[in-house]
Amino acid sequence: MSSKWMMNAGMGLALSAMLVAGGAMAQDKTSDQPETDKQSGSQTEDQQGAHETETQEKGAPKLAKECLDLALKQDEDREEFRGNSIYENNAKDYDAGELEKGDTFELLVDLLGEGNAKYNLTCQVDADGNMTYEDMEKTSSVKSNPGGA
């Protein structure tokens, strides 16, 4: 009986040693993860910030702001997107010199809504810089830069 007890005790000690080693290994796996200052909730130097679009980093170009202003004046549902910031746009692709007489450039301006909602504004700009507002669509994706944002 005593040899069975010793064998069980030995197995218990071995199992305990494995659990302790496994716990240390699991704890060690997190040591290469970025640290967070738990008191303030802010990131430490090792962490990367959230990805911002070029528009968010540098500010919206004048053409995109004009489209938003026009939408706020003309769209019946303007209260739904009033106060939302410009998330992305394709204004940098507008080149009046490339447009032939009578052609227009489709200016797409995406506003950041609540959650993952986006408000996609569409304006038309002619070679003289005259702008008309077309419409607004609420989606969960950007239209101005589908692959980039």
N, C-alpha and C. Protein backbone atom coordinates (compact mmCIF):
# COMPACT_ATOMS: atom_id res chain seq x y z
N MET A 1 0.82 -1.18 0.00
CA MET A 1 0.00 0.00 0.00
C MET A 1 0.87 1.24 0.00
N SER A 2 1.93 1.16 0.71
CA SER A 2 2.79 2.31 0.82
C SER A 2 3.47 2.61 -0.51
N SER A 3 3.76 1.59 -1.31
CA SER A 3 4.39 1.86 -2.60
C SER A 3 3.39 2.50 -3.57
N LYS A 4 2.12 2.11 -3.47
CA LYS A 4 1.09 2.75 -4.30
C LYS A 4 0.93 4.21 -3.91
N TRP A 5 0.94 4.45 -2.62
CA TRP A 5 0.81 5.83 -2.14
C TRP A 5 1.99 6.68 -2.61
N MET A 6 3.19 6.13 -2.55
CA MET A 6 4.38 6.87 -2.99
C MET A 6 4.34 7.12 -4.50
N MET A 7 3.86 6.12 -5.24
CA MET A 7 3.76 6.29 -6.68
C MET A 7 2.75 7.38 -7.03
N ASN A 8 1.60 7.39 -6.35
CA ASN A 8 0.60 8.44 -6.57
C ASN A 8 1.13 9.80 -6.15
N ALA A 9 1.83 9.86 -5.05
CA ALA A 9 2.42 11.12 -4.58
C ALA A 9 3.46 11.61 -5.58
N GLY A 10 4.25 10.70 -6.10
CA GLY A 10 5.27 11.06 -7.09
C GLY A 10 4.63 11.61 -8.36
N MET A 11 3.56 10.96 -8.80
CA MET A 11 2.86 11.44 -9.99
C MET A 11 2.22 12.80 -9.71
N GLY A 12 1.70 12.98 -8.50
CA GLY A 12 1.11 14.25 -8.12
C GLY A 12 2.14 15.37 -8.14
N LEU A 13 3.34 15.07 -7.63
CA LEU A 13 4.41 16.07 -7.65
C LEU A 13 4.83 16.39 -9.08
N ALA A 14 4.93 15.38 -9.91
CA ALA A 14 5.32 15.59 -11.31
C ALA A 14 4.26 16.43 -12.03
N LEU A 15 3.01 16.12 -11.79
CA LEU A 15 1.92 16.88 -12.40
C LEU A 15 1.94 18.33 -11.92
N SER A 16 2.17 18.55 -10.64
CA SER A 16 2.25 19.90 -10.09
C SER A 16 3.39 20.67 -10.73
N ALA A 17 4.53 20.01 -10.90
CA ALA A 17 5.69 20.66 -11.52
C ALA A 17 5.37 21.04 -12.96
N MET A 18 4.66 20.19 -13.68
CA MET A 18 4.30 20.49 -15.06
C MET A 18 3.33 21.67 -15.12
N LEU A 19 2.38 21.73 -14.21
CA LEU A 19 1.43 22.84 -14.19
C LEU A 19 2.12 24.15 -13.89
N VAL A 20 3.06 24.13 -12.95
CA VAL A 20 3.80 25.34 -12.62
C VAL A 20 4.63 25.79 -13.81
N ALA A 21 5.30 24.86 -14.46
CA ALA A 21 6.11 25.19 -15.63
C ALA A 21 5.22 25.71 -16.76
N GLY A 22 4.08 25.07 -16.97
CA GLY A 22 3.14 25.52 -18.00
C GLY A 22 2.62 26.91 -17.72
N GLY A 23 2.35 27.21 -16.47
CA GLY A 23 1.89 28.54 -16.10
C GLY A 23 2.96 29.58 -16.35
N ALA A 24 4.19 29.24 -16.07
CA ALA A 24 5.29 30.17 -16.32
C ALA A 24 5.47 30.39 -17.81
N MET A 25 5.30 29.33 -18.60
CA MET A 25 5.43 29.46 -20.05
C MET A 25 4.31 30.34 -20.60
N ALA A 26 3.09 30.14 -20.12
CA ALA A 26 1.97 30.95 -20.59
C ALA A 26 2.18 32.41 -20.23
N GLN A 27 2.70 32.64 -19.04
CA GLN A 27 2.95 34.01 -18.61
C GLN A 27 4.06 34.61 -19.46
N ASP A 28 5.06 33.83 -19.82
CA ASP A 28 6.17 34.31 -20.61
C ASP A 28 5.74 34.69 -22.02
N LYS A 29 4.73 34.01 -22.58
CA LYS A 29 4.26 34.32 -23.92
C LYS A 29 3.72 35.74 -24.02
N THR A 30 3.20 36.27 -22.95
CA THR A 30 2.65 37.62 -23.00
C THR A 30 3.70 38.69 -22.76
N SER A 31 4.91 38.30 -22.41
CA SER A 31 5.92 39.31 -22.09
C SER A 31 6.33 40.12 -23.31
N ASP A 32 6.13 39.59 -24.54
CA ASP A 32 6.48 40.35 -25.72
C ASP A 32 5.32 41.21 -26.24
N GLN A 33 4.20 41.21 -25.53
CA GLN A 33 3.05 42.01 -25.91
C GLN A 33 3.23 43.43 -25.40
N PRO A 34 2.67 44.44 -26.13
CA PRO A 34 2.76 45.83 -25.66
C PRO A 34 2.09 46.00 -24.31
N GLU A 35 2.62 46.90 -23.55
CA GLU A 35 2.08 47.19 -22.22
C GLU A 35 1.06 48.32 -22.31
N THR A 36 0.11 48.29 -21.44
CA THR A 36 -0.86 49.38 -21.33
C THR A 36 -0.78 49.94 -19.92
N ASP A 37 -0.78 51.24 -19.82
CA ASP A 37 -0.81 51.88 -18.52
C ASP A 37 -2.22 51.71 -17.99
N LYS A 38 -2.38 50.79 -17.07
CA LYS A 38 -3.72 50.42 -16.60
C LYS A 38 -4.39 51.57 -15.83
N GLN A 39 -3.62 52.42 -15.21
CA GLN A 39 -4.20 53.53 -14.46
C GLN A 39 -4.90 54.51 -15.39
N SER A 40 -4.22 54.90 -16.47
CA SER A 40 -4.80 55.92 -17.35
C SER A 40 -5.51 55.34 -18.55
N GLY A 41 -5.24 54.05 -18.87
CA GLY A 41 -5.85 53.44 -20.03
C GLY A 41 -5.16 53.85 -21.32
N SER A 42 -4.06 54.58 -21.23
CA SER A 42 -3.38 55.03 -22.44
C SER A 42 -2.33 54.03 -22.88
N GLN A 43 -1.93 54.18 -24.14
CA GLN A 43 -0.93 53.29 -24.70
C GLN A 43 0.46 53.70 -24.24
N THR A 44 1.34 52.72 -24.17
CA THR A 44 2.74 53.02 -23.90
C THR A 44 3.46 53.17 -25.22
N GLU A 45 4.74 53.52 -25.18
CA GLU A 45 5.49 53.80 -26.40
C GLU A 45 5.52 52.64 -27.39
N ASP A 46 5.41 51.41 -26.91
CA ASP A 46 5.52 50.25 -27.78
C ASP A 46 4.26 49.99 -28.60
N GLN A 47 3.14 50.59 -28.23
CA GLN A 47 1.89 50.31 -28.92
C GLN A 47 1.70 51.26 -30.09
N GLN A 48 1.05 50.76 -31.13
CA GLN A 48 0.71 51.56 -32.30
C GLN A 48 -0.69 52.14 -32.11
N GLY A 49 -0.91 53.36 -32.59
CA GLY A 49 -2.23 53.96 -32.53
C GLY A 49 -3.13 53.37 -33.59
N ALA A 50 -4.39 53.70 -33.54
CA ALA A 50 -5.35 53.24 -34.54
C ALA A 50 -5.01 53.87 -35.89
N HIS A 51 -5.28 53.17 -36.96
CA HIS A 51 -5.00 53.67 -38.30
C HIS A 51 -5.94 54.84 -38.62
N GLU A 52 -5.35 55.93 -39.08
CA GLU A 52 -6.15 57.07 -39.51
C GLU A 52 -6.01 57.21 -41.01
N THR A 53 -7.05 57.70 -41.66
CA THR A 53 -6.97 57.96 -43.09
C THR A 53 -6.13 59.21 -43.30
N GLU A 54 -5.71 59.42 -44.52
CA GLU A 54 -4.93 60.61 -44.86
C GLU A 54 -5.74 61.87 -44.56
N THR A 55 -7.03 61.81 -44.84
CA THR A 55 -7.91 62.95 -44.57
C THR A 55 -7.97 63.26 -43.08
N GLN A 56 -8.03 62.23 -42.24
CA GLN A 56 -8.06 62.45 -40.79
C GLN A 56 -6.74 63.02 -40.30
N GLU A 57 -5.63 62.56 -40.87
CA GLU A 57 -4.31 63.03 -40.44
C GLU A 57 -4.05 64.47 -40.88
N LYS A 58 -4.36 64.78 -42.15
CA LYS A 58 -3.99 66.08 -42.73
C LYS A 58 -5.14 67.07 -42.81
N GLY A 59 -6.35 66.61 -42.59
CA GLY A 59 -7.51 67.48 -42.73
C GLY A 59 -8.11 67.34 -44.12
N ALA A 60 -9.37 67.65 -44.23
CA ALA A 60 -10.08 67.50 -45.50
C ALA A 60 -9.71 68.63 -46.45
N PRO A 61 -9.55 68.31 -47.73
CA PRO A 61 -9.28 69.37 -48.72
C PRO A 61 -10.51 70.25 -48.92
N LYS A 62 -10.28 71.43 -49.45
CA LYS A 62 -11.32 72.43 -49.65
C LYS A 62 -12.49 71.88 -50.47
N LEU A 63 -12.20 71.13 -51.51
CA LEU A 63 -13.24 70.58 -52.37
C LEU A 63 -14.18 69.65 -51.60
N ALA A 64 -13.62 68.81 -50.74
CA ALA A 64 -14.44 67.89 -49.94
C ALA A 64 -15.31 68.67 -48.95
N LYS A 65 -14.75 69.72 -48.34
CA LYS A 65 -15.52 70.54 -47.41
C LYS A 65 -16.67 71.24 -48.12
N GLU A 66 -16.42 71.69 -49.35
CA GLU A 66 -17.46 72.36 -50.13
C GLU A 66 -18.61 71.40 -50.42
N CYS A 67 -18.28 70.15 -50.74
CA CYS A 67 -19.31 69.14 -51.00
C CYS A 67 -20.15 68.92 -49.73
N LEU A 68 -19.49 68.81 -48.59
CA LEU A 68 -20.22 68.63 -47.32
C LEU A 68 -21.10 69.83 -47.04
N ASP A 69 -20.59 71.04 -47.24
CA ASP A 69 -21.40 72.25 -47.02
C ASP A 69 -22.64 72.26 -47.92
N LEU A 70 -22.45 71.87 -49.17
CA LEU A 70 -23.56 71.84 -50.12
C LEU A 70 -24.60 70.79 -49.69
N ALA A 71 -24.12 69.64 -49.23
CA ALA A 71 -25.03 68.58 -48.76
C ALA A 71 -25.83 69.05 -47.55
N LEU A 72 -25.17 69.78 -46.65
CA LEU A 72 -25.86 70.28 -45.45
C LEU A 72 -26.92 71.32 -45.80
N LYS A 73 -26.76 71.99 -46.92
CA LYS A 73 -27.75 72.97 -47.35
C LYS A 73 -28.90 72.33 -48.12
N GLN A 74 -28.62 71.26 -48.87
CA GLN A 74 -29.60 70.74 -49.82
C GLN A 74 -30.24 69.40 -49.45
N ASP A 75 -29.60 68.57 -48.68
CA ASP A 75 -30.13 67.24 -48.40
C ASP A 75 -31.23 67.28 -47.36
N GLU A 76 -32.35 66.62 -47.64
CA GLU A 76 -33.47 66.57 -46.71
C GLU A 76 -33.10 65.87 -45.40
N ASP A 77 -32.19 64.91 -45.47
CA ASP A 77 -31.78 64.14 -44.30
C ASP A 77 -30.50 64.69 -43.65
N ARG A 78 -30.21 65.95 -43.86
CA ARG A 78 -28.95 66.54 -43.38
C ARG A 78 -28.75 66.41 -41.87
N GLU A 79 -29.83 66.41 -41.10
CA GLU A 79 -29.68 66.31 -39.65
C GLU A 79 -29.10 64.96 -39.24
N GLU A 80 -29.29 63.96 -40.10
CA GLU A 80 -28.77 62.62 -39.82
C GLU A 80 -27.24 62.59 -39.83
N PHE A 81 -26.61 63.43 -40.68
CA PHE A 81 -25.15 63.41 -40.77
C PHE A 81 -24.49 64.73 -40.35
N ARG A 82 -25.27 65.70 -39.90
CA ARG A 82 -24.70 66.97 -39.44
C ARG A 82 -23.76 66.72 -38.25
N GLY A 83 -22.60 67.31 -38.29
CA GLY A 83 -21.64 67.19 -37.20
C GLY A 83 -20.66 66.02 -37.36
N ASN A 84 -20.88 65.18 -38.36
CA ASN A 84 -19.96 64.06 -38.59
C ASN A 84 -18.75 64.55 -39.38
N SER A 85 -17.59 64.00 -39.04
CA SER A 85 -16.35 64.45 -39.68
C SER A 85 -16.10 63.72 -40.99
N ILE A 86 -15.34 64.37 -41.86
CA ILE A 86 -14.97 63.77 -43.14
C ILE A 86 -13.92 62.70 -42.86
N TYR A 87 -14.21 61.49 -43.27
CA TYR A 87 -13.35 60.34 -43.04
C TYR A 87 -12.41 60.09 -44.21
N GLU A 88 -12.92 60.17 -45.42
CA GLU A 88 -12.15 59.91 -46.62
C GLU A 88 -12.80 60.61 -47.79
N ASN A 89 -12.04 60.84 -48.86
CA ASN A 89 -12.58 61.49 -50.06
C ASN A 89 -11.65 61.23 -51.23
N ASN A 90 -12.10 61.57 -52.43
CA ASN A 90 -11.27 61.39 -53.62
C ASN A 90 -10.95 62.73 -54.29
N ALA A 91 -10.97 63.81 -53.53
CA ALA A 91 -10.74 65.15 -54.08
C ALA A 91 -9.37 65.29 -54.74
N LYS A 92 -8.38 64.53 -54.26
CA LYS A 92 -7.04 64.64 -54.85
C LYS A 92 -7.01 64.15 -56.30
N ASP A 93 -8.01 63.39 -56.71
CA ASP A 93 -8.08 62.88 -58.08
C ASP A 93 -8.70 63.88 -59.06
N TYR A 94 -9.23 64.98 -58.53
CA TYR A 94 -9.86 65.99 -59.39
C TYR A 94 -8.79 66.81 -60.09
N ASP A 95 -8.88 66.85 -61.42
CA ASP A 95 -7.97 67.67 -62.22
C ASP A 95 -8.81 68.33 -63.30
N ALA A 96 -9.08 69.61 -63.12
CA ALA A 96 -9.94 70.34 -64.05
C ALA A 96 -9.39 70.28 -65.47
N GLY A 97 -8.07 70.23 -65.62
CA GLY A 97 -7.45 70.19 -66.94
C GLY A 97 -7.73 68.91 -67.70
N GLU A 98 -8.07 67.85 -67.01
CA GLU A 98 -8.38 66.57 -67.66
C GLU A 98 -9.82 66.48 -68.14
N LEU A 99 -10.67 67.36 -67.66
CA LEU A 99 -12.09 67.31 -68.03
C LEU A 99 -12.32 68.04 -69.35
N GLU A 100 -13.11 67.41 -70.19
CA GLU A 100 -13.51 68.06 -71.44
C GLU A 100 -14.77 68.85 -71.18
N LYS A 101 -15.04 69.80 -72.06
CA LYS A 101 -16.21 70.66 -71.89
C LYS A 101 -17.46 69.80 -71.74
N GLY A 102 -18.23 70.06 -70.71
CA GLY A 102 -19.47 69.33 -70.46
C GLY A 102 -19.28 68.11 -69.54
N ASP A 103 -18.04 67.66 -69.34
CA ASP A 103 -17.79 66.52 -68.45
C ASP A 103 -17.75 66.98 -67.00
N THR A 104 -18.00 66.05 -66.10
CA THR A 104 -17.90 66.35 -64.66
C THR A 104 -17.09 65.27 -63.96
N PHE A 105 -16.58 65.62 -62.82
CA PHE A 105 -15.84 64.71 -61.96
C PHE A 105 -16.76 64.31 -60.81
N GLU A 106 -16.84 63.01 -60.54
CA GLU A 106 -17.67 62.54 -59.43
C GLU A 106 -16.85 62.60 -58.15
N LEU A 107 -17.17 63.57 -57.32
CA LEU A 107 -16.50 63.77 -56.04
C LEU A 107 -17.22 62.95 -54.98
N LEU A 108 -16.48 62.08 -54.32
CA LEU A 108 -17.05 61.22 -53.28
C LEU A 108 -16.45 61.61 -51.94
N VAL A 109 -17.32 61.89 -50.98
CA VAL A 109 -16.89 62.30 -49.65
C VAL A 109 -17.57 61.38 -48.64
N ASP A 110 -16.76 60.70 -47.84
CA ASP A 110 -17.29 59.78 -46.84
C ASP A 110 -17.19 60.40 -45.45
N LEU A 111 -18.32 60.41 -44.75
CA LEU A 111 -18.35 60.93 -43.38
C LEU A 111 -18.35 59.76 -42.42
N LEU A 112 -17.72 59.94 -41.28
CA LEU A 112 -17.67 58.90 -40.26
C LEU A 112 -18.90 59.03 -39.38
N GLY A 113 -19.71 57.97 -39.37
CA GLY A 113 -20.93 57.95 -38.55
C GLY A 113 -20.69 57.23 -37.25
N GLU A 114 -21.76 56.92 -36.56
CA GLU A 114 -21.67 56.21 -35.29
C GLU A 114 -21.42 54.73 -35.55
N GLY A 115 -20.57 54.11 -34.74
CA GLY A 115 -20.23 52.70 -34.95
C GLY A 115 -19.45 52.54 -36.23
N ASN A 116 -19.89 51.64 -37.10
CA ASN A 116 -19.20 51.47 -38.37
C ASN A 116 -19.95 52.13 -39.52
N ALA A 117 -20.90 52.99 -39.23
CA ALA A 117 -21.69 53.66 -40.27
C ALA A 117 -20.85 54.71 -40.99
N LYS A 118 -21.07 54.80 -42.29
CA LYS A 118 -20.45 55.83 -43.12
C LYS A 118 -21.57 56.51 -43.90
N TYR A 119 -21.44 57.81 -44.08
CA TYR A 119 -22.36 58.57 -44.91
C TYR A 119 -21.58 58.92 -46.17
N ASN A 120 -22.01 58.40 -47.31
CA ASN A 120 -21.32 58.61 -48.57
C ASN A 120 -22.01 59.72 -49.35
N LEU A 121 -21.35 60.86 -49.46
CA LEU A 121 -21.88 62.00 -50.20
C LEU A 121 -21.33 61.97 -51.62
N THR A 122 -22.15 62.34 -52.58
CA THR A 122 -21.71 62.41 -53.97
C THR A 122 -22.01 63.80 -54.51
N CYS A 123 -20.97 64.44 -55.05
CA CYS A 123 -21.11 65.73 -55.70
C CYS A 123 -20.49 65.62 -57.09
N GLN A 124 -20.89 66.50 -57.99
CA GLN A 124 -20.30 66.56 -59.33
C GLN A 124 -19.60 67.91 -59.46
N VAL A 125 -18.37 67.89 -60.02
CA VAL A 125 -17.60 69.11 -60.20
C VAL A 125 -17.21 69.21 -61.67
N ASP A 126 -17.46 70.38 -62.27
CA ASP A 126 -17.10 70.54 -63.68
C ASP A 126 -15.71 71.15 -63.80
N ALA A 127 -15.27 71.36 -65.04
CA ALA A 127 -13.92 71.87 -65.31
C ALA A 127 -13.71 73.28 -64.76
N ASP A 128 -14.79 74.04 -64.57
CA ASP A 128 -14.70 75.39 -64.03
C ASP A 128 -14.74 75.40 -62.49
N GLY A 129 -14.91 74.23 -61.89
CA GLY A 129 -14.98 74.14 -60.43
C GLY A 129 -16.37 74.31 -59.87
N ASN A 130 -17.38 74.39 -60.73
CA ASN A 130 -18.77 74.50 -60.28
C ASN A 130 -19.21 73.14 -59.74
N MET A 131 -19.84 73.16 -58.58
CA MET A 131 -20.22 71.91 -57.92
C MET A 131 -21.72 71.81 -57.77
N THR A 132 -22.22 70.58 -57.96
CA THR A 132 -23.62 70.26 -57.68
C THR A 132 -23.65 69.07 -56.74
N TYR A 133 -24.62 69.08 -55.85
CA TYR A 133 -24.79 67.98 -54.91
C TYR A 133 -25.74 66.95 -55.51
N GLU A 134 -25.35 65.67 -55.44
CA GLU A 134 -26.18 64.60 -56.00
C GLU A 134 -27.01 63.90 -54.92
N ASP A 135 -26.33 63.21 -53.98
CA ASP A 135 -27.07 62.47 -52.97
C ASP A 135 -26.18 62.00 -51.82
N MET A 136 -26.86 61.36 -50.84
CA MET A 136 -26.19 60.78 -49.67
C MET A 136 -26.71 59.36 -49.52
N GLU A 137 -25.80 58.46 -49.19
CA GLU A 137 -26.16 57.07 -48.93
C GLU A 137 -25.49 56.65 -47.63
N LYS A 138 -26.23 55.99 -46.77
CA LYS A 138 -25.68 55.49 -45.51
C LYS A 138 -25.31 54.02 -45.71
N THR A 139 -24.03 53.70 -45.48
CA THR A 139 -23.54 52.33 -45.65
C THR A 139 -22.59 51.99 -44.50
N SER A 140 -21.92 50.87 -44.64
CA SER A 140 -20.89 50.51 -43.66
C SER A 140 -19.51 50.54 -44.29
N SER A 141 -19.39 51.09 -45.50
CA SER A 141 -18.09 51.13 -46.17
C SER A 141 -17.88 52.49 -46.84
N VAL A 142 -16.63 52.76 -47.16
CA VAL A 142 -16.31 54.01 -47.86
C VAL A 142 -16.48 53.80 -49.35
N LYS A 143 -16.85 54.83 -50.05
CA LYS A 143 -17.01 54.76 -51.50
C LYS A 143 -15.86 55.48 -52.22
N SER A 144 -15.27 56.47 -51.55
CA SER A 144 -14.25 57.29 -52.20
C SER A 144 -12.93 56.58 -52.36
N ASN A 145 -12.63 55.61 -51.48
CA ASN A 145 -11.36 54.90 -51.51
C ASN A 145 -11.59 53.49 -51.00
N PRO A 146 -12.32 52.65 -51.75
CA PRO A 146 -12.73 51.34 -51.24
C PRO A 146 -11.59 50.44 -50.77
N GLY A 147 -10.44 50.52 -51.40
CA GLY A 147 -9.34 49.65 -51.01
C GLY A 147 -8.48 50.23 -49.92
N GLY A 148 -8.59 51.54 -49.64
CA GLY A 148 -7.66 52.17 -48.73
C GLY A 148 -8.15 52.45 -47.35
N ALA A 149 -9.42 52.52 -47.15
CA ALA A 149 -9.90 52.89 -45.81
C ALA A 149 -10.73 51.81 -45.20
